[in-house]
Amino acid sequence: MATLSIFGAQWGDEGKGKVIDRLAADVDFIVRYQGGANAGHTVVVGDETYALHLIPSGILHKGRMNVIANGVAIDPISFLSEVDGLIARGVEVNGDNLVLSSNAHVIFEHHKRIDSLAERWKGEGRIGTTGRGIGPAYSDKAARTGLRISDLLDPERCKLRLRAALAEKNALIEKVHGAEPLDLEAQLELYCTLADRLRPFVADTGKLLRQAYRDGKSILFEGAQGVMLDIDHGTYPFVTSSNTGTGGIPAGTGFPPHWVEQSMGIAKAYCTRVGEGPFPS
């Protein structure tokens, strides 16, 4: 196995985490290529149980490089909380075994606020989001108004772009949804502080993965959710905001599609789905 993609063949919760954890012990790189902290993998190592949402499962295996690629929407608060939680339990986490793409888009507090308010606005027509701001962050990415990790690391550019973004989002929060706007200066201070902690993890992950393949390293691509939640091929509009199958890898990582040699869909005998939407059986 040189390159392998693992994805959910149903609506998520198929048990991908268990399979990925077993395989992660035998590969060099484990890569997240889409989604965000709305994913959840429960991994058991010995007597310890770990719940991972954003960080790849390979972080629990020594000598593995874990990659969060450009297709993932990253909430810095959730990411650093997960890092701190792992370190507190004795797991080694640093820039030598975990990297973030400089091109990944950032989930801000206003994305999470709008996500929750929009669900409330829809009433019975709600989609059933996790409220983690992933959909609004992907919307800003498509609208070319979002901020990337690289923007966050440049203080002047971050302040300029975040001021512009928050002015628009606060108008939406206050005038459409009738909620309290976010404090601009507090948000700027928060994310500038978080940027300093993110900096050691940031890298050009596309270049890293392409070079790893040329060097003969084994790479495991870890999908989140399932194909029936794919933005294009799932039960639209009751879907997630990214391409969840193997097809999401090239765009989400910069890794050539013909280099993905094997794909494995994970299914479970008793099918379930989370959230709203049709559930044919």
Protein backbone atom coordinates (compact mmCIF):
# COMPACT_ATOMS: atom_id res chain seq x y z
CA MET A 1 0.00 0.00 0.00
CA ALA A 2 1.60 3.25 -1.19
CA THR A 3 -1.47 5.52 -1.28
CA LEU A 4 -4.90 4.61 0.08
CA SER A 5 -8.11 6.57 0.50
CA ILE A 6 -10.57 5.66 3.26
CA PHE A 7 -14.04 7.19 3.03
CA GLY A 8 -17.51 6.64 4.44
CA ALA A 9 -19.83 4.79 2.06
CA GLN A 10 -23.02 5.94 3.82
CA TRP A 11 -24.00 8.99 5.93
CA GLY A 12 -21.00 8.96 8.25
CA ASP A 13 -20.49 7.16 11.57
CA GLU A 14 -19.57 3.97 9.69
CA GLY A 15 -16.59 3.21 11.91
CA LYS A 16 -13.90 4.79 9.72
CA GLY A 17 -11.90 5.81 12.78
CA LYS A 18 -11.33 2.24 13.87
CA VAL A 19 -10.18 1.17 10.39
CA ILE A 20 -7.99 4.22 9.92
CA ASP A 21 -6.37 3.74 13.32
CA ARG A 22 -5.47 0.14 12.49
CA LEU A 23 -3.95 1.17 9.16
CA ALA A 24 -2.23 4.30 10.50
CA ALA A 25 0.33 2.21 12.37
CA ASP A 26 1.73 1.01 9.04
CA VAL A 27 1.88 4.21 6.97
CA ASP A 28 4.11 7.28 6.93
CA PHE A 29 1.54 10.03 6.36
CA ILE A 30 -2.11 10.37 7.45
CA VAL A 31 -4.01 13.17 5.71
CA ARG A 32 -7.31 14.99 6.32
CA TYR A 33 -8.49 16.59 3.07
CA GLN A 34 -11.99 17.99 3.73
CA GLY A 35 -14.53 18.88 6.38
CA GLY A 36 -13.64 20.33 9.73
CA ALA A 37 -14.25 19.73 13.41
CA ASN A 38 -17.72 18.39 12.55
CA ALA A 39 -16.06 15.02 11.99
CA GLY A 40 -15.52 12.71 14.93
CA HIS A 41 -13.28 9.68 15.24
CA THR A 42 -13.14 7.65 18.44
CA VAL A 43 -9.89 5.74 18.76
CA VAL A 44 -8.98 3.25 21.49
CA VAL A 45 -5.29 2.69 22.25
CA GLY A 46 -4.76 0.18 25.04
CA ASP A 47 -6.98 1.33 27.90
CA GLU A 48 -7.18 4.89 26.60
CA THR A 49 -10.03 6.29 24.48
CA TYR A 50 -9.46 9.40 22.36
CA ALA A 51 -12.09 11.48 20.56
CA LEU A 52 -10.52 13.28 17.61
CA HIS A 53 -12.40 15.86 15.55
CA LEU A 54 -9.80 17.64 13.44
CA ILE A 55 -6.42 16.03 14.03
CA PRO A 56 -5.78 12.82 12.03
CA SER A 57 -5.82 9.51 13.89
CA GLY A 58 -2.15 8.91 13.16
CA ILE A 59 -1.21 11.37 15.90
CA LEU A 60 -1.47 8.47 18.36
CA HIS A 61 1.28 6.54 16.54
CA LYS A 62 4.90 7.58 16.94
CA GLY A 63 6.89 8.43 13.83
CA ARG A 64 3.88 9.33 11.69
CA MET A 65 3.34 12.65 9.94
CA ASN A 66 -0.22 13.95 10.24
CA VAL A 67 -1.43 16.47 7.68
CA ILE A 68 -4.45 18.77 7.74
CA ALA A 69 -4.57 19.85 4.11
CA ASN A 70 -5.97 22.89 2.31
CA GLY A 71 -9.46 21.45 1.81
CA VAL A 72 -10.15 21.40 5.56
CA ALA A 73 -11.87 24.34 7.26
CA ILE A 74 -9.89 24.97 10.44
CA ASP A 75 -11.27 26.43 13.65
CA PRO A 76 -8.10 27.56 15.47
CA ILE A 77 -9.84 27.39 18.85
CA SER A 78 -10.97 23.79 18.32
CA PHE A 79 -7.62 22.80 16.84
CA LEU A 80 -5.56 24.17 19.72
CA SER A 81 -7.97 22.75 22.29
CA GLU A 82 -7.50 19.33 20.71
CA VAL A 83 -3.72 19.77 20.68
CA ASP A 84 -3.69 20.81 24.35
CA GLY A 85 -5.95 17.90 25.31
CA LEU A 86 -3.64 15.38 23.65
CA ILE A 87 -0.50 16.88 25.18
CA ALA A 88 -2.14 16.81 28.63
CA ARG A 89 -2.61 13.07 28.18
CA GLY A 90 1.03 12.51 27.26
CA VAL A 91 0.69 12.43 23.47
CA GLU A 92 3.51 14.11 21.56
CA VAL A 93 2.12 16.86 19.31
CA ASN A 94 4.36 19.37 17.52
CA GLY A 95 5.36 20.60 14.08
CA ASP A 96 7.39 17.42 13.53
CA ASN A 97 4.34 15.15 13.51
CA LEU A 98 1.44 17.50 12.70
CA VAL A 99 1.18 20.17 10.00
CA LEU A 100 -1.55 22.53 8.76
CA SER A 101 -1.86 23.84 5.23
CA SER A 102 -1.15 27.54 4.86
CA ASN A 103 -3.97 27.56 2.26
CA ALA A 104 -6.65 26.08 4.53
CA HIS A 105 -9.53 28.42 5.31
CA VAL A 106 -10.17 29.66 8.84
CA ILE A 107 -13.41 29.30 10.78
CA PHE A 108 -14.00 32.43 12.86
CA GLU A 109 -16.43 33.09 15.67
CA HIS A 110 -18.76 34.90 13.27
CA HIS A 111 -19.04 31.75 11.15
CA LYS A 112 -20.21 29.76 14.17
CA ARG A 113 -22.64 32.47 15.22
CA ILE A 114 -24.16 32.71 11.73
CA ASP A 115 -24.37 28.92 11.44
CA SER A 116 -26.51 28.67 14.57
CA LEU A 117 -28.63 31.72 13.74
CA ALA A 118 -29.31 30.52 10.20
CA GLU A 119 -30.50 27.14 11.48
CA ARG A 120 -32.88 28.88 13.86
CA TRP A 121 -34.11 31.10 11.02
CA LYS A 122 -34.98 28.09 8.84
CA GLY A 123 -37.19 26.54 11.51
CA GLU A 124 -38.64 23.25 10.30
CA GLY A 125 -36.60 23.52 7.10
CA ARG A 126 -33.30 23.37 8.97
CA ILE A 127 -30.53 21.19 7.56
CA GLY A 128 -29.26 19.91 10.90
CA THR A 129 -25.76 21.39 10.96
CA THR A 130 -23.39 20.92 13.87
CA GLY A 131 -23.28 24.68 14.43
CA ARG A 132 -19.49 24.69 14.17
CA GLY A 133 -19.35 27.30 11.39
CA ILE A 134 -18.12 24.98 8.68
CA GLY A 135 -20.83 25.75 6.11
CA PRO A 136 -20.47 29.55 6.44
CA ALA A 137 -16.67 29.24 6.21
CA TYR A 138 -16.93 27.21 2.99
CA SER A 139 -19.46 29.78 1.70
CA ASP A 140 -16.92 32.54 2.25
CA LYS A 141 -14.28 30.43 0.51
CA ALA A 142 -16.50 30.12 -2.58
CA ALA A 143 -17.33 33.83 -2.42
CA ARG A 144 -13.58 34.62 -2.19
CA THR A 145 -14.05 36.60 1.01
CA GLY A 146 -12.67 34.03 3.47
CA LEU A 147 -9.32 34.19 5.23
CA ARG A 148 -6.71 31.47 4.96
CA ILE A 149 -4.25 30.35 7.60
CA SER A 150 -1.57 32.34 5.74
CA ASP A 151 -3.68 35.50 6.18
CA LEU A 152 -3.96 34.82 9.89
CA LEU A 153 -0.17 34.66 10.21
CA ASP A 154 0.28 38.12 8.65
CA PRO A 155 -0.91 40.55 11.37
CA GLU A 156 -1.53 43.54 9.10
CA ARG A 157 -3.30 41.55 6.41
CA CYS A 158 -5.31 39.69 9.03
CA LYS A 159 -6.52 42.90 10.67
CA LEU A 160 -7.43 44.48 7.33
CA ARG A 161 -9.35 41.50 6.00
CA LEU A 162 -10.96 40.50 9.30
CA ARG A 163 -12.21 44.06 9.85
CA ALA A 164 -13.87 44.02 6.43
CA ALA A 165 -15.35 40.55 6.94
CA LEU A 166 -16.66 41.26 10.42
CA ALA A 167 -18.30 44.54 9.36
CA GLU A 168 -20.37 42.59 6.84
CA LYS A 169 -21.08 39.65 9.15
CA ASN A 170 -22.05 41.87 12.07
CA ALA A 171 -24.59 43.61 9.84
CA LEU A 172 -26.07 40.20 9.02
CA ILE A 173 -26.06 39.09 12.67
CA GLU A 174 -27.61 42.30 13.96
CA LYS A 175 -29.98 43.48 11.21
CA VAL A 176 -31.22 40.18 9.80
CA HIS A 177 -31.08 37.87 12.81
CA GLY A 178 -31.58 40.49 15.54
CA ALA A 179 -28.67 39.19 17.61
CA GLU A 180 -25.81 40.93 19.40
CA PRO A 181 -22.88 41.77 17.08
CA LEU A 182 -19.38 40.55 17.85
CA ASP A 183 -16.81 42.92 19.32
CA LEU A 184 -14.33 43.67 16.53
CA GLU A 185 -11.34 44.56 18.69
CA ALA A 186 -11.82 41.50 20.92
CA GLN A 187 -11.94 39.27 17.84
CA LEU A 188 -8.79 40.83 16.38
CA GLU A 189 -6.92 40.35 19.65
CA LEU A 190 -8.12 36.76 19.99
CA TYR A 191 -7.14 35.60 16.52
CA CYS A 192 -3.80 37.41 16.50
CA THR A 193 -2.95 35.56 19.72
CA LEU A 194 -4.08 32.23 18.25
CA ALA A 195 -1.99 32.86 15.12
CA ASP A 196 1.22 32.82 17.16
CA ARG A 197 0.36 29.37 18.50
CA LEU A 198 -0.56 28.04 15.05
CA ARG A 199 2.64 29.22 13.37
CA PRO A 200 4.87 26.21 14.26
CA PHE A 201 2.39 23.84 12.61
CA VAL A 202 1.95 25.67 9.29
CA ALA A 203 3.47 24.33 6.07
CA ASP A 204 2.99 23.98 2.31
CA THR A 205 1.24 20.63 2.65
CA GLY A 206 0.70 20.11 -1.09
CA LYS A 207 4.43 20.29 -1.74
CA LEU A 208 5.09 18.09 1.29
CA LEU A 209 2.72 15.34 0.10
CA ARG A 210 3.92 15.35 -3.51
CA GLN A 211 7.52 15.04 -2.36
CA ALA A 212 6.57 12.26 0.06
CA TYR A 213 5.03 10.28 -2.80
CA ARG A 214 8.13 10.76 -4.97
CA ASP A 215 10.23 9.54 -2.05
CA GLY A 216 8.20 6.34 -1.85
CA LYS A 217 6.39 7.15 1.40
CA SER A 218 3.04 5.50 2.14
CA ILE A 219 0.10 7.89 2.46
CA LEU A 220 -3.35 7.31 3.96
CA PHE A 221 -6.11 9.81 3.13
CA GLU A 222 -8.69 10.04 5.90
CA GLY A 223 -12.16 11.07 4.73
CA ALA A 224 -14.75 12.65 7.01
CA GLN A 225 -18.54 12.14 6.96
CA GLY A 226 -19.74 9.88 4.09
CA VAL A 227 -20.50 9.97 0.37
CA MET A 228 -24.25 10.38 0.98
CA LEU A 229 -23.36 13.70 2.63
CA ASP A 230 -21.22 14.86 -0.31
CA ILE A 231 -22.03 18.42 -1.40
CA ASP A 232 -22.49 17.29 -5.04
CA HIS A 233 -23.48 13.63 -4.85
CA GLY A 234 -25.28 13.37 -1.52
CA THR A 235 -28.90 13.91 -0.45
CA TYR A 236 -28.80 17.64 -1.26
CA PRO A 237 -29.54 20.01 0.43
CA PHE A 238 -29.18 17.82 3.53
CA VAL A 239 -25.45 17.43 3.01
CA THR A 240 -22.15 18.74 4.29
CA SER A 241 -20.22 21.52 2.54
CA SER A 242 -17.38 19.54 0.95
CA ASN A 243 -16.64 16.60 -1.33
CA THR A 244 -16.39 13.64 1.03
CA GLY A 245 -15.24 10.86 -1.30
CA THR A 246 -11.94 10.12 -3.01
CA GLY A 247 -12.76 12.82 -5.57
CA GLY A 248 -12.20 15.44 -2.88
CA ILE A 249 -8.53 14.50 -2.49
CA PRO A 250 -6.97 16.33 -5.49
CA ALA A 251 -8.68 19.66 -4.75
CA GLY A 252 -8.34 19.25 -0.99
CA THR A 253 -4.63 18.44 -0.99
CA GLY A 254 -2.99 19.33 -4.31
CA PHE A 255 -2.16 15.62 -4.70
CA PRO A 256 -2.54 14.32 -8.30
CA PRO A 257 -5.63 12.06 -8.65
CA HIS A 258 -3.79 9.29 -10.52
CA TRP A 259 -1.40 8.92 -7.58
CA VAL A 260 -4.24 7.68 -5.34
CA GLU A 261 -3.77 3.97 -5.96
CA GLN A 262 -6.46 2.37 -3.78
CA SER A 263 -9.79 3.45 -2.31
CA MET A 264 -11.77 1.76 0.44
CA GLY A 265 -15.35 2.63 1.37
CA ILE A 266 -16.46 1.79 4.91
CA ALA A 267 -20.06 0.74 5.58
CA LYS A 268 -21.91 -0.64 8.57
CA ALA A 269 -24.60 -3.29 8.67
CA TYR A 270 -27.15 -1.16 10.54
CA CYS A 271 -27.23 2.11 8.64
CA THR A 272 -27.94 5.41 10.42
CA ARG A 273 -27.73 9.08 9.57
CA VAL A 274 -27.18 12.14 11.73
CA GLY A 275 -29.17 15.34 11.37
CA GLU A 276 -32.06 16.07 9.03
CA GLY A 277 -32.85 14.75 5.56
CA PRO A 278 -34.07 11.66 3.72
CA PHE A 279 -32.97 8.25 4.88
CA PRO A 280 -33.89 5.59 2.30
CA SER A 281 -33.56 2.02 3.49
